[in-house]
Amino acid sequence: MKSTKYILSTILLLGSIVLNAQNTQGWLYENPYTGYYEYIISSYNNVTVHTPNSTPVSVRQWTSGDWSQYTKNDFIGYWQREYGNRLILEAEATVKYNCHVWAWDGGTTIWMNSPQEQKYFSPSDKSYVLTTNTAIATKVWYGGLGLGDPYDHSANTTSSSGYFSSKWGPVPRFKHLITDSPYLTSSLSY
């Protein structure tokens, strides 16, 4: 059986194939257990949002193309099979937004690629500042280098001790134990 980190990396890498047409992206999902797959093409506009301290952030706003309901349900089954009842589903799969937007912007209609999320806690912006006191932290950055990097992730802390809320790329958003995700947790910043 392939590891979940490999599976998600494959989904993200295959999903990042930019097609010849301007402002379109292809996404491929394949369930390694069943062999079911879906390929979609999404269109987007490049737009700008701002940090709470007004620093501009470049993002993508998807205008068309998303997973079928069957695939959205298949994603849920896949991840529940991997992590069991330790996951709490918060929102179904979509390519409309990702972890960085969910954590730093709170949105569900735009996609933010790395390193744009770093603007929210940059020394020049300081909308959020690093802390060593994890009990007061509201955001978590995994210190990634870019799309497909198993450290490239952002999450929100929750009121449940030991749990994060995060969107896993183009798949569902879950409330999950810190160690239960396809992302590596060896370099977390709060």
Protein backbone atom coordinates (compact mmCIF):
# COMPACT_ATOMS: atom_id res chain seq x y z
CA MET A 1 0.00 0.00 0.00
CA LYS A 2 1.27 3.47 -0.87
CA SER A 3 1.68 5.94 1.97
CA THR A 4 -0.84 8.75 2.32
CA LYS A 5 1.94 11.33 2.06
CA TYR A 6 2.90 9.85 -1.32
CA ILE A 7 -0.73 9.71 -2.45
CA LEU A 8 -1.43 13.35 -1.56
CA SER A 9 1.85 14.47 -3.11
CA THR A 10 0.89 12.64 -6.29
CA ILE A 11 -2.56 14.26 -6.30
CA LEU A 12 -1.05 17.70 -5.76
CA LEU A 13 1.73 17.26 -8.30
CA LEU A 14 -0.59 15.87 -10.94
CA GLY A 15 -3.11 18.52 -10.01
CA SER A 16 -0.63 21.27 -10.62
CA ILE A 17 -0.25 20.50 -14.30
CA VAL A 18 -0.93 23.80 -16.00
CA LEU A 19 -2.46 23.36 -19.39
CA ASN A 20 -1.55 25.28 -22.54
CA ALA A 21 -4.64 27.44 -22.32
CA GLN A 22 -4.09 30.55 -20.24
CA ASN A 23 -5.51 30.46 -16.68
CA THR A 24 -6.57 26.82 -16.67
CA GLN A 25 -5.35 23.95 -14.56
CA GLY A 26 -5.92 20.23 -14.77
CA TRP A 27 -6.59 18.16 -11.64
CA LEU A 28 -6.29 14.39 -11.45
CA TYR A 29 -7.56 12.21 -8.63
CA GLU A 30 -7.05 8.45 -8.48
CA ASN A 31 -8.16 6.29 -5.59
CA PRO A 32 -5.36 3.72 -5.07
CA TYR A 33 -7.73 1.28 -3.39
CA THR A 34 -10.39 1.15 -6.09
CA GLY A 35 -8.70 2.50 -9.20
CA TYR A 36 -11.49 5.06 -9.64
CA TYR A 37 -10.23 8.32 -11.12
CA GLU A 38 -11.50 11.70 -12.29
CA TYR A 39 -9.74 14.38 -14.32
CA ILE A 40 -11.14 17.91 -14.38
CA ILE A 41 -10.07 21.21 -15.87
CA SER A 42 -10.61 24.40 -13.88
CA SER A 43 -10.41 27.99 -15.04
CA TYR A 44 -9.33 30.86 -12.82
CA ASN A 45 -8.66 34.57 -12.66
CA ASN A 46 -5.62 36.02 -10.93
CA VAL A 47 -6.82 38.37 -8.21
CA THR A 48 -5.38 40.20 -5.22
CA VAL A 49 -6.51 40.04 -1.61
CA HIS A 50 -4.92 41.83 1.34
CA THR A 51 -3.58 40.77 4.72
CA PRO A 52 -5.21 42.40 7.78
CA ASN A 53 -2.36 44.92 7.62
CA SER A 54 -3.04 45.66 3.93
CA THR A 55 -0.16 43.82 2.23
CA PRO A 56 -1.30 42.63 -1.24
CA VAL A 57 -1.44 38.85 -1.74
CA SER A 58 -1.72 37.20 -5.18
CA VAL A 59 -4.30 34.40 -5.36
CA ARG A 60 -6.38 32.47 -7.88
CA GLN A 61 -10.14 32.72 -8.00
CA TRP A 62 -11.58 29.66 -9.73
CA THR A 63 -14.34 30.43 -12.19
CA SER A 64 -15.26 26.93 -13.37
CA GLY A 65 -14.53 23.26 -12.90
CA ASP A 66 -14.75 21.23 -9.71
CA TRP A 67 -14.98 17.61 -8.58
CA SER A 68 -18.14 15.60 -9.22
CA GLN A 69 -20.21 14.72 -6.16
CA TYR A 70 -19.13 11.11 -6.60
CA THR A 71 -15.46 12.12 -6.32
CA LYS A 72 -16.16 14.38 -3.35
CA ASN A 73 -17.73 11.40 -1.57
CA ASP A 74 -14.87 9.12 -2.66
CA PHE A 75 -12.33 11.50 -1.10
CA ILE A 76 -14.15 11.29 2.23
CA GLY A 77 -14.15 7.49 2.10
CA TYR A 78 -10.49 7.41 1.16
CA TRP A 79 -9.33 9.61 4.05
CA GLN A 80 -11.61 7.91 6.58
CA ARG A 81 -10.07 4.62 5.52
CA GLU A 82 -6.61 6.09 6.15
CA TYR A 83 -7.30 7.75 9.52
CA GLY A 84 -10.55 6.21 10.76
CA ASN A 85 -12.85 8.11 13.06
CA ARG A 86 -10.01 10.39 14.20
CA LEU A 87 -10.98 12.78 11.37
CA ILE A 88 -13.93 15.12 11.65
CA LEU A 89 -15.21 16.27 8.26
CA GLU A 90 -15.67 20.05 8.13
CA ALA A 91 -16.21 20.58 4.39
CA GLU A 92 -16.22 18.42 1.27
CA ALA A 93 -13.49 18.38 -1.36
CA THR A 94 -13.16 21.28 -3.78
CA VAL A 95 -10.46 22.90 -5.87
CA LYS A 96 -11.94 26.32 -5.04
CA TYR A 97 -9.65 26.91 -2.02
CA ASN A 98 -6.72 25.37 -0.15
CA CYS A 99 -5.08 25.23 3.27
CA HIS A 100 -3.26 28.58 3.03
CA VAL A 101 -6.44 30.49 2.25
CA TRP A 102 -8.38 28.64 4.95
CA ALA A 103 -5.74 29.35 7.60
CA TRP A 104 -4.60 32.87 6.78
CA ASP A 105 -7.53 34.46 4.94
CA GLY A 106 -10.47 32.36 6.16
CA GLY A 107 -11.86 32.22 2.63
CA THR A 108 -13.39 29.37 0.67
CA THR A 109 -13.40 30.80 -2.86
CA ILE A 110 -9.73 31.49 -3.64
CA TRP A 111 -6.51 29.46 -3.87
CA MET A 112 -3.19 30.74 -2.49
CA ASN A 113 0.09 29.22 -3.67
CA SER A 114 3.28 29.36 -1.61
CA PRO A 115 5.05 31.56 -0.70
CA GLN A 116 2.13 34.02 -0.66
CA GLU A 117 0.98 32.84 2.80
CA GLN A 118 4.26 34.06 4.29
CA LYS A 119 3.17 37.66 3.71
CA TYR A 120 0.70 37.30 6.61
CA PHE A 121 3.52 36.82 9.11
CA SER A 122 6.39 38.61 7.36
CA PRO A 123 8.50 41.11 9.34
CA SER A 124 7.17 43.92 7.14
CA ASP A 125 3.48 43.02 7.59
CA LYS A 126 3.09 41.41 11.03
CA SER A 127 -0.60 40.63 10.65
CA TYR A 128 0.38 37.53 12.64
CA VAL A 129 3.51 37.08 14.75
CA LEU A 130 5.36 33.92 15.73
CA THR A 131 4.93 32.64 19.26
CA THR A 132 6.44 29.84 21.32
CA ASN A 133 3.25 29.64 23.39
CA THR A 134 1.20 27.14 21.39
CA ALA A 135 -1.75 27.60 23.78
CA ILE A 136 -2.40 31.11 22.41
CA ALA A 137 -1.55 30.41 18.77
CA THR A 138 -4.35 30.60 16.19
CA LYS A 139 -2.39 29.66 13.06
CA VAL A 140 0.19 27.02 12.21
CA TRP A 141 2.66 27.10 9.32
CA TYR A 142 4.45 23.93 8.28
CA GLY A 143 7.35 25.76 6.57
CA GLY A 144 6.92 24.45 3.06
CA LEU A 145 8.85 25.23 -0.07
CA GLY A 146 6.04 24.97 -2.59
CA LEU A 147 3.24 22.93 -4.13
CA GLY A 148 3.76 19.22 -3.57
CA ASP A 149 6.25 19.72 -0.72
CA PRO A 150 5.04 17.57 2.22
CA TYR A 151 5.87 20.49 4.55
CA ASP A 152 3.92 23.05 2.48
CA HIS A 153 0.84 23.45 4.63
CA SER A 154 -1.04 25.84 6.88
CA ALA A 155 -3.68 25.12 9.51
CA ASN A 156 -5.83 26.75 12.16
CA THR A 157 -5.59 25.69 15.78
CA THR A 158 -8.85 24.68 17.46
CA SER A 159 -10.31 24.76 20.96
CA SER A 160 -9.85 20.98 21.07
CA SER A 161 -6.39 20.27 22.43
CA GLY A 162 -4.14 18.52 19.92
CA TYR A 163 -6.43 19.21 16.93
CA PHE A 164 -5.97 21.40 13.88
CA SER A 165 -8.50 22.46 11.24
CA SER A 166 -7.05 22.31 7.76
CA LYS A 167 -7.88 21.86 4.10
CA TRP A 168 -5.74 19.25 2.39
CA GLY A 169 -5.05 20.78 -1.02
CA PRO A 170 -7.97 20.03 -3.37
CA VAL A 171 -9.45 17.42 -1.01
CA PRO A 172 -11.76 17.84 2.04
CA ARG A 173 -11.25 20.09 5.03
CA PHE A 174 -10.90 18.18 8.28
CA LYS A 175 -10.52 18.75 11.99
CA HIS A 176 -7.73 16.33 12.80
CA LEU A 177 -5.10 15.38 15.33
CA ILE A 178 -1.84 17.23 14.74
CA THR A 179 -0.14 13.99 13.68
CA ASP A 180 -3.05 12.75 11.52
CA SER A 181 -2.56 14.41 8.17
CA PRO A 182 -0.61 13.76 4.98
CA TYR A 183 1.77 16.61 5.87
CA LEU A 184 4.99 16.29 7.85
CA THR A 185 4.92 18.01 11.23
CA SER A 186 8.63 18.24 12.05
CA SER A 187 8.96 22.01 11.46
CA LEU A 188 5.79 23.68 12.74
CA SER A 189 5.71 27.41 13.46
CA TYR A 190 2.90 28.86 15.57
